[in-house]
Amino acid sequence: MGRVKLKIKRLENLSGRQVTYSKRRAGILKKTKELSILCDIDILLLMFSPTGKPTLCLGEQRFVSL
């Protein structure tokens, strides 16, 4: 059995939105680091959580929460 394709839309439930952000944040930070290493490039990724807290990723370096 295959996966069901989900329609991408804004989550109305605030707590659900925060949980989804937290789970997906880890994945996108990992992909950012991998891309930086594989392509030997400098990457700057700045994300803001639903509560407004920023997260900064500087390529291969450690992730910084501000």
C-alpha atoms as a PDB file:
ATOM      1  CA  MET A   1       0.000   0.000   0.000  1.00  0.00           C
ATOM      2  CA  GLY A   2       1.327   3.450  -0.899  1.00  0.00           C
ATOM      3  CA  ARG A   3       1.429   6.615   1.126  1.00  0.00           C
ATOM      4  CA  VAL A   4      -1.364   9.136   1.038  1.00  0.00           C
ATOM      5  CA  LYS A   5      -0.354  12.454  -0.501  1.00  0.00           C
ATOM      6  CA  LEU A   6      -1.089  15.256   1.959  1.00  0.00           C
ATOM      7  CA  LYS A   7      -2.158  18.672   0.808  1.00  0.00           C
ATOM      8  CA  ILE A   8       0.220  21.285   2.217  1.00  0.00           C
ATOM      9  CA  LYS A   9      -1.682  23.977   4.091  1.00  0.00           C
ATOM     10  CA  ARG A  10      -1.298  26.043   7.237  1.00  0.00           C
ATOM     11  CA  LEU A  11      -2.070  24.183  10.458  1.00  0.00           C
ATOM     12  CA  GLU A  12      -4.760  26.022  12.378  1.00  0.00           C
ATOM     13  CA  ASN A  13      -4.025  24.317  15.710  1.00  0.00           C
ATOM     14  CA  LEU A  14      -1.206  26.289  17.415  1.00  0.00           C
ATOM     15  CA  SER A  15       0.137  23.363  19.456  1.00  0.00           C
ATOM     16  CA  GLY A  16       0.072  21.087  16.403  1.00  0.00           C
ATOM     17  CA  ARG A  17       1.896  23.732  14.403  1.00  0.00           C
ATOM     18  CA  GLN A  18       4.636  23.950  17.070  1.00  0.00           C
ATOM     19  CA  VAL A  19       5.046  20.161  17.200  1.00  0.00           C
ATOM     20  CA  THR A  20       5.258  19.912  13.408  1.00  0.00           C
ATOM     21  CA  TYR A  21       7.810  22.745  13.293  1.00  0.00           C
ATOM     22  CA  SER A  22       9.978  21.073  15.938  1.00  0.00           C
ATOM     23  CA  LYS A  23       9.976  17.735  14.120  1.00  0.00           C
ATOM     24  CA  ARG A  24      10.625  19.165  10.672  1.00  0.00           C
ATOM     25  CA  ARG A  25      13.236  21.644  11.928  1.00  0.00           C
ATOM     26  CA  ALA A  26      15.574  18.788  12.847  1.00  0.00           C
ATOM     27  CA  GLY A  27      15.235  17.340   9.342  1.00  0.00           C
ATOM     28  CA  ILE A  28      15.902  20.580   7.494  1.00  0.00           C
ATOM     29  CA  LEU A  29      18.907  21.362   9.717  1.00  0.00           C
ATOM     30  CA  LYS A  30      20.337  17.922   8.921  1.00  0.00           C
ATOM     31  CA  LYS A  31      19.809  18.454   5.180  1.00  0.00           C
ATOM     32  CA  THR A  32      21.447  21.880   5.403  1.00  0.00           C
ATOM     33  CA  LYS A  33      24.524  20.402   7.055  1.00  0.00           C
ATOM     34  CA  GLU A  34      24.698  17.563   4.500  1.00  0.00           C
ATOM     35  CA  LEU A  35      24.448  19.992   1.572  1.00  0.00           C
ATOM     36  CA  SER A  36      27.190  22.148   3.069  1.00  0.00           C
ATOM     37  CA  ILE A  37      29.524  19.157   3.424  1.00  0.00           C
ATOM     38  CA  LEU A  38      28.735  17.495   0.076  1.00  0.00           C
ATOM     39  CA  CYS A  39      29.054  20.646  -2.007  1.00  0.00           C
ATOM     40  CA  ASP A  40      31.732  22.326   0.137  1.00  0.00           C
ATOM     41  CA  ILE A  41      29.679  25.518   0.348  1.00  0.00           C
ATOM     42  CA  ASP A  42      28.831  28.054   3.018  1.00  0.00           C
ATOM     43  CA  ILE A  43      25.171  28.039   4.007  1.00  0.00           C
ATOM     44  CA  LEU A  44      23.245  30.377   6.245  1.00  0.00           C
ATOM     45  CA  LEU A  45      19.759  29.282   7.278  1.00  0.00           C
ATOM     46  CA  LEU A  46      17.610  31.464   9.522  1.00  0.00           C
ATOM     47  CA  MET A  47      14.237  30.150  10.687  1.00  0.00           C
ATOM     48  CA  PHE A  48      11.650  31.566  13.053  1.00  0.00           C
ATOM     49  CA  SER A  49       9.416  29.225  15.054  1.00  0.00           C
ATOM     50  CA  PRO A  50       5.660  29.833  15.281  1.00  0.00           C
ATOM     51  CA  THR A  51       6.347  31.506  18.642  1.00  0.00           C
ATOM     52  CA  GLY A  52       8.928  33.832  17.035  1.00  0.00           C
ATOM     53  CA  LYS A  53      12.110  32.203  18.399  1.00  0.00           C
ATOM     54  CA  PRO A  54      14.909  32.310  15.777  1.00  0.00           C
ATOM     55  CA  THR A  55      17.190  29.397  14.876  1.00  0.00           C
ATOM     56  CA  LEU A  56      20.393  30.046  12.929  1.00  0.00           C
ATOM     57  CA  CYS A  57      22.331  27.377  11.028  1.00  0.00           C
ATOM     58  CA  LEU A  58      25.789  28.159   9.708  1.00  0.00           C
ATOM     59  CA  GLY A  59      26.545  25.299   7.314  1.00  0.00           C
ATOM     60  CA  GLU A  60      28.959  22.739   8.738  1.00  0.00           C
ATOM     61  CA  GLN A  61      29.259  24.550  12.061  1.00  0.00           C
ATOM     62  CA  ARG A  62      27.016  23.931  15.052  1.00  0.00           C
ATOM     63  CA  PHE A  63      23.468  25.241  15.099  1.00  0.00           C
ATOM     64  CA  VAL A  64      22.820  28.331  17.141  1.00  0.00           C
ATOM     65  CA  SER A  65      19.555  29.131  18.883  1.00  0.00           C
ATOM     66  CA  LEU A  66      19.216  32.837  19.552  1.00  0.00           C
END
